[in-house]
């Protein structure tokens, strides 16, 4: 049996509760609780792996990730989707 893939997760400025994850399965960004470990993917259309993936903190979100996150309609630093 294959183990769940490990994906890099990035911390958000002013938000210690959530991490952003660039998904290599659907090419979108997902938001997960700020804790390393196994997660169920948020991919729409079930494009993610059936057994989920594992998150590992890679550092703070890059400017490109923050830009993409805003394009997807997310806000950060105030605790919500905006």
Protein backbone atom coordinates (compact mmCIF):
# COMPACT_ATOMS: atom_id res chain seq x y z
CA UNK A 1 0.00 0.00 0.00
CA UNK A 2 1.32 3.46 -0.90
CA UNK A 3 1.58 6.10 1.77
CA UNK A 4 -0.17 9.45 1.35
CA UNK A 5 1.94 12.02 -0.52
CA UNK A 6 3.55 14.81 1.51
CA UNK A 7 2.57 18.33 0.42
CA UNK A 8 4.22 21.59 1.45
CA UNK A 9 2.03 23.88 3.54
CA UNK A 10 2.64 27.59 4.11
CA UNK A 11 1.73 29.83 7.03
CA UNK A 12 -0.40 32.89 6.41
CA UNK A 13 0.51 36.37 7.66
CA UNK A 14 -1.41 37.23 10.82
CA UNK A 15 -3.16 33.84 10.92
CA UNK A 16 -1.80 31.17 13.25
CA UNK A 17 -4.81 28.88 12.78
CA UNK A 18 -4.63 28.08 9.05
CA UNK A 19 -2.10 27.00 6.44
CA UNK A 20 -2.38 27.28 2.68
CA UNK A 21 -1.53 24.25 0.54
CA UNK A 22 -0.80 24.38 -3.21
CA UNK A 23 -2.51 21.22 -4.42
CA UNK A 24 -0.61 19.22 -7.01
CA UNK A 25 -3.78 17.29 -7.88
CA UNK A 26 -6.20 20.10 -8.82
CA UNK A 27 -3.75 23.05 -9.11
CA UNK A 28 -5.75 25.17 -6.65
CA UNK A 29 -4.90 26.36 -3.16
CA UNK A 30 -6.53 24.68 -0.17
CA UNK A 31 -6.80 25.98 3.39
CA UNK A 32 -6.26 23.56 6.26
CA UNK A 33 -5.83 23.84 10.02
CA UNK A 34 -2.27 24.82 10.97
CA UNK A 35 -1.01 21.42 12.04
CA UNK A 36 1.23 18.91 10.32
CA UNK A 37 -0.27 15.53 9.53
CA UNK A 38 -2.81 13.70 7.40
CA UNK A 39 -5.63 15.59 5.67
CA UNK A 40 -8.52 14.89 3.36
CA UNK A 41 -8.16 16.90 0.13
CA UNK A 42 -10.59 19.71 -0.64
CA UNK A 43 -10.38 19.08 -4.40
CA UNK A 44 -13.63 19.61 -6.22
CA UNK A 45 -14.51 16.83 -8.60
CA UNK A 46 -12.62 14.26 -6.51
CA UNK A 47 -9.30 14.80 -8.29
CA UNK A 48 -7.30 14.29 -5.10
CA UNK A 49 -5.90 11.01 -3.83
CA UNK A 50 -8.44 8.70 -2.19
CA UNK A 51 -6.27 8.29 0.92
CA UNK A 52 -5.58 12.04 1.25
CA UNK A 53 -2.22 13.66 1.82
CA UNK A 54 0.14 14.66 4.59
CA UNK A 55 1.01 18.30 5.32
CA UNK A 56 4.48 19.52 6.27
CA UNK A 57 5.15 23.19 7.07
CA UNK A 58 7.55 24.62 4.48
CA UNK A 59 7.60 28.21 5.80
CA UNK A 60 5.70 31.44 5.26
CA UNK A 61 3.52 31.86 2.17
CA UNK A 62 5.33 33.38 -0.81
CA UNK A 63 4.03 36.52 -2.55
CA UNK A 64 2.88 34.33 -5.46
CA UNK A 65 0.88 32.05 -3.16
CA UNK A 66 -0.72 35.08 -1.45
CA UNK A 67 -1.65 36.55 -4.85
CA UNK A 68 -3.21 33.26 -5.99
CA UNK A 69 -5.09 32.99 -2.70
CA UNK A 70 -6.60 36.45 -3.17
CA UNK A 71 -7.61 35.50 -6.73
CA UNK A 72 -9.50 32.53 -5.28
CA UNK A 73 -11.45 34.91 -3.03
CA UNK A 74 -9.64 34.30 0.26
CA UNK A 75 -8.61 36.95 2.75
CA UNK A 76 -6.24 36.36 5.63
CA UNK A 77 -5.07 38.03 8.77
CA UNK A 78 -8.67 38.63 9.87
CA UNK A 79 -9.76 35.03 10.06
CA UNK A 80 -12.11 34.54 7.15
CA UNK A 81 -12.91 33.98 3.58
CA UNK A 82 -13.73 37.21 1.95
